[in-house]
Amino acid sequence: MSPPPRIPVPARVGLHGRLPLVGSLFLAPAHPYHEGPETLLELLNSRVRVLPFIHAEDGGTIMIARTAITWVQPDPVVDNALVRREGIMISREEEVEVELVDGYFARGLIQMELPEDYTRLSDFLNGDDEFFPLLLEEGTAVLLGKAAVRLVRAYQPSPSLPRVPRH
């Protein structure tokens, strides 16, 4: 019995030192920890080392090292539920400008799901996930690789935690 077919997700993929590729990445039709299919963000934050990619120009298969990916922008027709899991608890939003080492530049909104004792943008960017979504003004998301981030400019100061008195 063959495994169920993967779900194609049309996207542009930025790679270190190359022009972006246009084609499709593929998601698992089911995820072991939640209902529904795997999301693009989950795929990029997984331990998978090499991602199959079908090049739109010639239909050829390209095996892309996940660590070489600087950003992924799903086609606007892609359902948001395939990009990022719905129903996550957003604890903070911050408007930012992001510049990647390959020159990619974007301005948008970072929505953070942080534990109660972590409130700063730096806490989020230093978290374990290797990719994070940036919501662009037109309502679409681009998934950015933290290893490719040159700088992030925040437009508001991060909140400070209440100080605990010392005895």
N, C-alpha and C. Protein backbone atom coordinates (compact mmCIF):
# COMPACT_ATOMS: atom_id res chain seq x y z
N MET A 1 0.84 -1.18 0.00
CA MET A 1 0.00 0.00 0.00
C MET A 1 0.89 1.24 0.00
N SER A 2 0.66 2.13 -0.92
CA SER A 2 1.50 3.32 -1.02
C SER A 2 0.98 4.41 -0.09
N PRO A 3 1.90 5.29 0.36
CA PRO A 3 1.48 6.37 1.25
C PRO A 3 0.58 7.35 0.51
N PRO A 4 -0.27 8.10 1.25
CA PRO A 4 -1.14 9.08 0.58
C PRO A 4 -0.31 10.14 -0.13
N PRO A 5 -0.82 10.69 -1.20
CA PRO A 5 -0.04 11.68 -1.95
C PRO A 5 0.18 12.95 -1.13
N ARG A 6 1.31 13.56 -1.37
CA ARG A 6 1.65 14.82 -0.71
C ARG A 6 0.87 15.96 -1.36
N ILE A 7 0.74 17.05 -0.62
CA ILE A 7 -0.02 18.22 -1.07
C ILE A 7 0.96 19.23 -1.67
N PRO A 8 0.82 19.55 -2.97
CA PRO A 8 1.71 20.55 -3.57
C PRO A 8 1.34 21.96 -3.11
N VAL A 9 2.37 22.75 -2.79
CA VAL A 9 2.17 24.14 -2.37
C VAL A 9 3.02 25.02 -3.29
N PRO A 10 2.37 25.75 -4.22
CA PRO A 10 3.13 26.63 -5.10
C PRO A 10 3.76 27.77 -4.30
N ALA A 11 5.04 28.03 -4.58
CA ALA A 11 5.77 29.03 -3.80
C ALA A 11 7.01 29.49 -4.56
N ARG A 12 7.52 30.63 -4.12
CA ARG A 12 8.85 31.10 -4.52
C ARG A 12 9.78 30.81 -3.36
N VAL A 13 10.98 30.33 -3.67
CA VAL A 13 11.94 29.96 -2.63
C VAL A 13 13.24 30.72 -2.84
N GLY A 14 13.65 31.47 -1.83
CA GLY A 14 14.92 32.18 -1.86
C GLY A 14 16.03 31.29 -1.32
N LEU A 15 17.15 31.27 -2.04
CA LEU A 15 18.30 30.45 -1.65
C LEU A 15 19.54 31.31 -1.55
N HIS A 16 20.45 30.94 -0.66
CA HIS A 16 21.72 31.66 -0.54
C HIS A 16 22.42 31.70 -1.90
N GLY A 17 22.73 32.91 -2.37
CA GLY A 17 23.55 33.08 -3.57
C GLY A 17 22.91 32.74 -4.89
N ARG A 18 21.57 32.63 -4.95
CA ARG A 18 20.88 32.28 -6.20
C ARG A 18 19.65 33.14 -6.39
N LEU A 19 19.17 33.20 -7.61
CA LEU A 19 17.88 33.82 -7.86
C LEU A 19 16.80 32.91 -7.28
N PRO A 20 15.66 33.49 -6.88
CA PRO A 20 14.59 32.65 -6.32
C PRO A 20 14.10 31.60 -7.32
N LEU A 21 13.69 30.47 -6.79
CA LEU A 21 13.10 29.41 -7.59
C LEU A 21 11.58 29.52 -7.49
N VAL A 22 10.89 29.20 -8.58
CA VAL A 22 9.43 29.21 -8.59
C VAL A 22 8.99 27.78 -8.91
N GLY A 23 8.09 27.28 -8.07
CA GLY A 23 7.61 25.92 -8.25
C GLY A 23 6.77 25.49 -7.07
N SER A 24 6.90 24.23 -6.66
CA SER A 24 6.08 23.70 -5.56
C SER A 24 6.89 22.89 -4.58
N LEU A 25 6.61 23.12 -3.30
CA LEU A 25 7.07 22.26 -2.21
C LEU A 25 5.91 21.33 -1.88
N PHE A 26 6.15 20.30 -1.07
CA PHE A 26 5.12 19.29 -0.81
C PHE A 26 4.95 19.02 0.67
N LEU A 27 3.68 18.99 1.11
CA LEU A 27 3.33 18.78 2.51
C LEU A 27 2.72 17.40 2.72
N ALA A 28 2.93 16.86 3.91
CA ALA A 28 2.29 15.61 4.28
C ALA A 28 0.80 15.85 4.47
N PRO A 29 -0.05 14.93 4.04
CA PRO A 29 -1.50 15.12 4.15
C PRO A 29 -2.03 15.03 5.58
N ALA A 30 -1.20 14.52 6.50
CA ALA A 30 -1.60 14.43 7.91
C ALA A 30 -0.39 14.76 8.78
N HIS A 31 -0.67 15.33 9.94
CA HIS A 31 0.40 15.67 10.89
C HIS A 31 0.19 14.83 12.15
N PRO A 32 1.27 14.33 12.75
CA PRO A 32 1.09 13.45 13.91
C PRO A 32 0.59 14.15 15.18
N TYR A 33 0.70 15.47 15.27
CA TYR A 33 0.36 16.16 16.52
C TYR A 33 -0.90 17.03 16.45
N HIS A 34 -1.54 17.14 15.30
CA HIS A 34 -2.78 17.91 15.20
C HIS A 34 -3.59 17.41 14.02
N GLU A 35 -4.85 17.81 13.99
CA GLU A 35 -5.74 17.45 12.89
C GLU A 35 -5.28 18.17 11.63
N GLY A 36 -5.51 17.57 10.50
CA GLY A 36 -5.24 18.20 9.22
C GLY A 36 -3.82 17.97 8.73
N PRO A 37 -3.52 18.59 7.59
CA PRO A 37 -2.21 18.38 6.97
C PRO A 37 -1.10 19.16 7.67
N GLU A 38 0.10 18.76 7.35
CA GLU A 38 1.29 19.50 7.76
C GLU A 38 1.21 20.90 7.15
N THR A 39 1.79 21.90 7.82
CA THR A 39 1.85 23.24 7.25
C THR A 39 3.25 23.50 6.68
N LEU A 40 3.34 24.49 5.85
CA LEU A 40 4.63 24.87 5.28
C LEU A 40 5.60 25.29 6.39
N LEU A 41 5.11 26.04 7.37
CA LEU A 41 5.96 26.45 8.49
C LEU A 41 6.45 25.23 9.27
N GLU A 42 5.59 24.25 9.48
CA GLU A 42 6.01 23.03 10.18
C GLU A 42 7.07 22.28 9.37
N LEU A 43 6.89 22.20 8.06
CA LEU A 43 7.87 21.53 7.21
C LEU A 43 9.24 22.21 7.33
N LEU A 44 9.24 23.56 7.26
CA LEU A 44 10.50 24.30 7.32
C LEU A 44 11.15 24.22 8.70
N ASN A 45 10.36 24.02 9.73
CA ASN A 45 10.91 23.90 11.09
C ASN A 45 11.12 22.46 11.52
N SER A 46 10.95 21.53 10.60
CA SER A 46 11.13 20.11 10.92
C SER A 46 12.62 19.74 10.82
N ARG A 47 12.90 18.48 11.09
CA ARG A 47 14.27 17.99 11.01
C ARG A 47 14.61 17.45 9.63
N VAL A 48 13.68 17.56 8.69
CA VAL A 48 13.94 17.11 7.32
C VAL A 48 15.09 17.93 6.75
N ARG A 49 16.06 17.27 6.17
CA ARG A 49 17.25 17.97 5.66
C ARG A 49 17.12 18.43 4.22
N VAL A 50 16.42 17.64 3.41
CA VAL A 50 16.33 17.94 1.98
C VAL A 50 14.86 17.92 1.58
N LEU A 51 14.43 18.97 0.86
CA LEU A 51 13.04 19.10 0.45
C LEU A 51 12.92 18.94 -1.06
N PRO A 52 12.07 18.04 -1.53
CA PRO A 52 11.82 17.95 -2.97
C PRO A 52 11.05 19.19 -3.43
N PHE A 53 11.41 19.70 -4.58
CA PHE A 53 10.81 20.90 -5.14
C PHE A 53 10.62 20.66 -6.63
N ILE A 54 9.42 20.89 -7.13
CA ILE A 54 9.17 20.76 -8.57
C ILE A 54 9.28 22.15 -9.18
N HIS A 55 10.23 22.32 -10.08
CA HIS A 55 10.50 23.61 -10.71
C HIS A 55 9.39 23.89 -11.72
N ALA A 56 8.77 25.07 -11.61
CA ALA A 56 7.64 25.42 -12.48
C ALA A 56 8.06 25.56 -13.94
N GLU A 57 9.27 26.01 -14.19
CA GLU A 57 9.71 26.29 -15.56
C GLU A 57 9.81 25.03 -16.42
N ASP A 58 10.38 23.97 -15.86
CA ASP A 58 10.59 22.78 -16.69
C ASP A 58 10.03 21.49 -16.08
N GLY A 59 9.40 21.58 -14.90
CA GLY A 59 8.83 20.39 -14.27
C GLY A 59 9.85 19.47 -13.64
N GLY A 60 11.12 19.87 -13.66
CA GLY A 60 12.16 19.04 -13.06
C GLY A 60 12.12 19.05 -11.54
N THR A 61 12.63 17.99 -10.95
CA THR A 61 12.70 17.89 -9.49
C THR A 61 14.05 18.38 -9.02
N ILE A 62 14.02 19.27 -8.06
CA ILE A 62 15.24 19.80 -7.44
C ILE A 62 15.18 19.43 -5.97
N MET A 63 16.25 18.88 -5.45
CA MET A 63 16.34 18.57 -4.03
C MET A 63 17.03 19.75 -3.36
N ILE A 64 16.31 20.47 -2.47
CA ILE A 64 16.83 21.68 -1.84
C ILE A 64 17.19 21.39 -0.39
N ALA A 65 18.42 21.72 -0.01
CA ALA A 65 18.83 21.62 1.39
C ALA A 65 18.06 22.67 2.18
N ARG A 66 17.33 22.24 3.19
CA ARG A 66 16.51 23.16 3.98
C ARG A 66 17.36 24.29 4.58
N THR A 67 18.59 24.00 4.95
CA THR A 67 19.47 25.01 5.55
C THR A 67 19.92 26.07 4.56
N ALA A 68 19.76 25.81 3.26
CA ALA A 68 20.14 26.79 2.23
C ALA A 68 19.00 27.76 1.92
N ILE A 69 17.82 27.49 2.44
CA ILE A 69 16.65 28.34 2.17
C ILE A 69 16.70 29.58 3.05
N THR A 70 16.57 30.76 2.43
CA THR A 70 16.54 32.01 3.20
C THR A 70 15.11 32.47 3.43
N TRP A 71 14.23 32.24 2.47
CA TRP A 71 12.82 32.61 2.61
C TRP A 71 11.97 31.78 1.68
N VAL A 72 10.69 31.67 2.04
CA VAL A 72 9.70 30.99 1.21
C VAL A 72 8.44 31.86 1.19
N GLN A 73 7.98 32.19 -0.01
CA GLN A 73 6.75 32.96 -0.13
C GLN A 73 5.73 32.12 -0.89
N PRO A 74 4.72 31.62 -0.16
CA PRO A 74 3.67 30.84 -0.83
C PRO A 74 2.92 31.71 -1.82
N ASP A 75 2.44 31.11 -2.89
CA ASP A 75 1.61 31.81 -3.85
C ASP A 75 0.37 32.33 -3.12
N PRO A 76 -0.13 33.53 -3.48
CA PRO A 76 -1.31 34.08 -2.81
C PRO A 76 -2.55 33.18 -2.85
N VAL A 77 -2.63 32.25 -3.79
CA VAL A 77 -3.80 31.36 -3.86
C VAL A 77 -3.76 30.24 -2.81
N VAL A 78 -2.62 30.06 -2.15
CA VAL A 78 -2.48 28.98 -1.16
C VAL A 78 -3.30 29.31 0.09
N ASP A 79 -4.07 28.35 0.54
CA ASP A 79 -4.89 28.50 1.75
C ASP A 79 -3.95 28.74 2.94
N ASN A 80 -4.27 29.76 3.75
CA ASN A 80 -3.44 30.08 4.93
C ASN A 80 -3.28 28.91 5.87
N ALA A 81 -4.26 28.00 5.91
CA ALA A 81 -4.17 26.83 6.78
C ALA A 81 -3.03 25.89 6.36
N LEU A 82 -2.57 26.00 5.11
CA LEU A 82 -1.43 25.21 4.66
C LEU A 82 -0.10 25.93 4.90
N VAL A 83 -0.16 27.21 5.22
CA VAL A 83 1.06 27.99 5.48
C VAL A 83 1.43 27.92 6.94
N ARG A 84 0.46 28.17 7.80
CA ARG A 84 0.71 28.26 9.24
C ARG A 84 -0.53 27.73 9.95
N ARG A 85 -0.31 26.93 10.99
CA ARG A 85 -1.42 26.36 11.73
C ARG A 85 -2.35 27.45 12.27
N GLU A 86 -3.63 27.25 12.12
CA GLU A 86 -4.60 28.20 12.63
C GLU A 86 -4.87 27.92 14.10
N GLY A 87 -5.32 28.95 14.81
CA GLY A 87 -5.70 28.77 16.20
C GLY A 87 -4.56 28.89 17.20
N ILE A 88 -3.37 29.34 16.77
CA ILE A 88 -2.30 29.52 17.74
C ILE A 88 -2.61 30.76 18.58
N MET A 89 -2.11 30.79 19.78
CA MET A 89 -2.37 31.90 20.70
C MET A 89 -1.31 32.98 20.50
N ILE A 90 -1.71 34.07 19.87
CA ILE A 90 -0.79 35.18 19.63
C ILE A 90 -0.72 36.01 20.91
N SER A 91 0.47 36.13 21.49
CA SER A 91 0.63 36.90 22.72
C SER A 91 1.17 38.30 22.46
N ARG A 92 1.72 38.52 21.28
CA ARG A 92 2.29 39.83 20.96
C ARG A 92 2.42 39.97 19.46
N GLU A 93 2.22 41.19 18.95
CA GLU A 93 2.45 41.51 17.55
C GLU A 93 3.40 42.69 17.50
N GLU A 94 4.28 42.68 16.51
CA GLU A 94 5.22 43.78 16.39
C GLU A 94 5.49 44.08 14.92
N GLU A 95 5.38 45.38 14.57
CA GLU A 95 5.69 45.81 13.21
C GLU A 95 7.20 45.94 13.08
N VAL A 96 7.76 45.36 12.01
CA VAL A 96 9.21 45.32 11.84
C VAL A 96 9.60 45.49 10.38
N GLU A 97 10.86 45.80 10.17
CA GLU A 97 11.52 45.68 8.87
C GLU A 97 12.57 44.60 9.04
N VAL A 98 12.66 43.72 8.05
CA VAL A 98 13.62 42.61 8.11
C VAL A 98 14.50 42.67 6.87
N GLU A 99 15.80 42.53 7.08
CA GLU A 99 16.76 42.43 5.98
C GLU A 99 17.50 41.12 6.13
N LEU A 100 17.55 40.35 5.04
CA LEU A 100 18.26 39.08 5.05
C LEU A 100 19.63 39.26 4.42
N VAL A 101 20.51 38.30 4.66
CA VAL A 101 21.88 38.37 4.15
C VAL A 101 21.95 38.36 2.63
N ASP A 102 20.91 37.84 1.97
CA ASP A 102 20.90 37.82 0.50
C ASP A 102 20.31 39.09 -0.11
N GLY A 103 20.00 40.09 0.74
CA GLY A 103 19.47 41.35 0.26
C GLY A 103 17.96 41.44 0.28
N TYR A 104 17.27 40.34 0.55
CA TYR A 104 15.81 40.38 0.65
C TYR A 104 15.43 41.36 1.75
N PHE A 105 14.43 42.20 1.49
CA PHE A 105 13.98 43.20 2.46
C PHE A 105 12.46 43.20 2.48
N ALA A 106 11.88 43.24 3.67
CA ALA A 106 10.42 43.29 3.78
C ALA A 106 10.03 44.00 5.06
N ARG A 107 8.86 44.61 4.99
CA ARG A 107 8.27 45.24 6.17
C ARG A 107 6.95 44.53 6.42
N GLY A 108 6.70 44.22 7.69
CA GLY A 108 5.47 43.52 8.00
C GLY A 108 5.26 43.35 9.48
N LEU A 109 4.44 42.40 9.83
CA LEU A 109 4.03 42.16 11.20
C LEU A 109 4.47 40.77 11.64
N ILE A 110 5.17 40.72 12.77
CA ILE A 110 5.52 39.44 13.38
C ILE A 110 4.49 39.18 14.46
N GLN A 111 3.85 38.02 14.39
CA GLN A 111 2.92 37.59 15.43
C GLN A 111 3.62 36.52 16.24
N MET A 112 3.75 36.79 17.53
CA MET A 112 4.54 35.91 18.39
C MET A 112 3.66 35.11 19.34
N GLU A 113 3.98 33.86 19.48
CA GLU A 113 3.38 32.99 20.47
C GLU A 113 4.48 32.73 21.49
N LEU A 114 4.42 33.45 22.61
CA LEU A 114 5.49 33.40 23.61
C LEU A 114 4.94 33.00 24.97
N PRO A 115 5.76 32.30 25.78
CA PRO A 115 5.35 32.03 27.16
C PRO A 115 5.23 33.36 27.93
N GLU A 116 4.53 33.32 29.03
CA GLU A 116 4.23 34.52 29.81
C GLU A 116 5.47 35.32 30.21
N ASP A 117 6.56 34.64 30.52
CA ASP A 117 7.75 35.34 31.01
C ASP A 117 8.70 35.78 29.88
N TYR A 118 8.28 35.63 28.64
CA TYR A 118 9.06 36.10 27.49
C TYR A 118 8.19 37.07 26.70
N THR A 119 8.62 38.32 26.59
CA THR A 119 7.78 39.32 25.94
C THR A 119 8.49 40.09 24.84
N ARG A 120 9.77 39.89 24.68
CA ARG A 120 10.53 40.71 23.74
C ARG A 120 10.67 40.03 22.38
N LEU A 121 10.86 40.90 21.37
CA LEU A 121 11.12 40.41 20.02
C LEU A 121 12.37 39.54 20.00
N SER A 122 13.38 39.92 20.77
CA SER A 122 14.61 39.13 20.81
C SER A 122 14.35 37.73 21.39
N ASP A 123 13.43 37.62 22.34
CA ASP A 123 13.06 36.30 22.88
C ASP A 123 12.50 35.42 21.77
N PHE A 124 11.62 36.01 20.95
CA PHE A 124 11.01 35.27 19.85
C PHE A 124 12.06 34.86 18.81
N LEU A 125 12.90 35.81 18.41
CA LEU A 125 13.91 35.53 17.38
C LEU A 125 14.97 34.55 17.85
N ASN A 126 15.19 34.45 19.15
CA ASN A 126 16.15 33.50 19.71
C ASN A 126 15.51 32.17 20.07
N GLY A 127 14.24 32.00 19.75
CA GLY A 127 13.55 30.73 20.02
C GLY A 127 14.08 29.61 19.14
N ASP A 128 13.60 28.42 19.40
CA ASP A 128 14.10 27.21 18.74
C ASP A 128 13.75 27.09 17.26
N ASP A 129 12.59 27.61 16.84
CA ASP A 129 12.18 27.47 15.45
C ASP A 129 13.19 28.14 14.52
N GLU A 130 13.45 27.52 13.39
CA GLU A 130 14.41 28.05 12.42
C GLU A 130 13.78 29.02 11.44
N PHE A 131 12.45 28.96 11.27
CA PHE A 131 11.73 29.85 10.36
C PHE A 131 10.58 30.50 11.11
N PHE A 132 10.23 31.72 10.70
CA PHE A 132 9.10 32.42 11.29
C PHE A 132 8.34 33.15 10.20
N PRO A 133 7.03 33.35 10.40
CA PRO A 133 6.24 34.06 9.40
C PRO A 133 6.29 35.57 9.61
N LEU A 134 6.32 36.29 8.51
CA LEU A 134 6.19 37.74 8.51
C LEU A 134 4.96 38.05 7.66
N LEU A 135 3.95 38.68 8.27
CA LEU A 135 2.75 39.02 7.53
C LEU A 135 2.99 40.32 6.80
N LEU A 136 2.85 40.30 5.49
CA LEU A 136 3.09 41.46 4.66
C LEU A 136 1.83 42.31 4.58
N GLU A 137 1.99 43.55 4.14
CA GLU A 137 0.85 44.48 4.08
C GLU A 137 -0.30 43.96 3.24
N GLU A 138 -0.01 43.24 2.17
CA GLU A 138 -1.08 42.75 1.30
C GLU A 138 -1.81 41.54 1.88
N GLY A 139 -1.46 41.13 3.11
CA GLY A 139 -2.16 40.06 3.77
C GLY A 139 -1.57 38.68 3.57
N THR A 140 -0.53 38.57 2.77
CA THR A 140 0.13 37.28 2.59
C THR A 140 1.29 37.17 3.58
N ALA A 141 1.83 35.99 3.70
CA ALA A 141 2.95 35.76 4.61
C ALA A 141 4.17 35.31 3.83
N VAL A 142 5.33 35.68 4.33
CA VAL A 142 6.59 35.13 3.84
C VAL A 142 7.22 34.45 5.05
N LEU A 143 7.81 33.28 4.83
CA LEU A 143 8.45 32.54 5.91
C LEU A 143 9.95 32.79 5.81
N LEU A 144 10.52 33.35 6.86
CA LEU A 144 11.92 33.78 6.85
C LEU A 144 12.78 32.86 7.70
N GLY A 145 13.96 32.52 7.17
CA GLY A 145 14.92 31.70 7.90
C GLY A 145 15.72 32.56 8.87
N LYS A 146 15.70 32.22 10.14
CA LYS A 146 16.42 33.02 11.14
C LYS A 146 17.91 33.07 10.86
N ALA A 147 18.48 32.00 10.33
CA ALA A 147 19.92 31.96 10.04
C ALA A 147 20.29 32.94 8.94
N ALA A 148 19.31 33.39 8.15
CA ALA A 148 19.58 34.31 7.05
C ALA A 148 19.28 35.77 7.42
N VAL A 149 18.81 36.00 8.63
CA VAL A 149 18.46 37.36 9.04
C VAL A 149 19.72 38.16 9.33
N ARG A 150 19.85 39.30 8.64
CA ARG A 150 20.95 40.23 8.91
C ARG A 150 20.54 41.19 10.03
N LEU A 151 19.33 41.74 9.92
CA LEU A 151 18.83 42.63 10.97
C LEU A 151 17.33 42.70 10.95
N VAL A 152 16.76 43.02 12.11
CA VAL A 152 15.33 43.26 12.27
C VAL A 152 15.19 44.59 12.98
N ARG A 153 14.46 45.50 12.36
CA ARG A 153 14.23 46.80 12.99
C ARG A 153 12.81 46.82 13.54
N ALA A 154 12.70 47.02 14.86
CA ALA A 154 11.40 47.11 15.52
C ALA A 154 10.99 48.58 15.58
N TYR A 155 9.69 48.82 15.51
CA TYR A 155 9.19 50.19 15.53
C TYR A 155 8.65 50.61 16.88
N GLN A 156 8.72 49.73 17.85
CA GLN A 156 8.30 50.08 19.20
C GLN A 156 9.18 49.33 20.18
N PRO A 157 9.40 49.92 21.35
CA PRO A 157 10.23 49.20 22.33
C PRO A 157 9.49 47.97 22.85
N SER A 158 10.26 46.94 23.14
CA SER A 158 9.67 45.74 23.72
C SER A 158 9.24 46.04 25.14
N PRO A 159 8.15 45.41 25.59
CA PRO A 159 7.72 45.65 26.96
C PRO A 159 8.72 45.06 27.95
N SER A 160 8.85 45.71 29.08
CA SER A 160 9.75 45.18 30.09
C SER A 160 8.94 44.33 31.06
N LEU A 161 9.60 43.35 31.62
CA LEU A 161 8.95 42.49 32.58
C LEU A 161 8.89 43.20 33.93
N PRO A 162 7.86 42.92 34.72
CA PRO A 162 7.84 43.53 36.06
C PRO A 162 9.01 43.03 36.87
N ARG A 163 9.60 43.94 37.61
CA ARG A 163 10.74 43.56 38.46
C ARG A 163 10.25 42.90 39.74
N VAL A 164 10.96 41.86 40.11
CA VAL A 164 10.64 41.16 41.36
C VAL A 164 11.53 41.76 42.44
N PRO A 165 10.93 42.27 43.54
CA PRO A 165 11.75 42.87 44.59
C PRO A 165 12.70 41.85 45.20
N ARG A 166 13.89 42.30 45.49
CA ARG A 166 14.89 41.43 46.17
C ARG A 166 14.86 41.71 47.66
N HIS A 167 15.03 40.67 48.42
CA HIS A 167 15.05 40.83 49.89
C HIS A 167 16.44 40.79 50.41
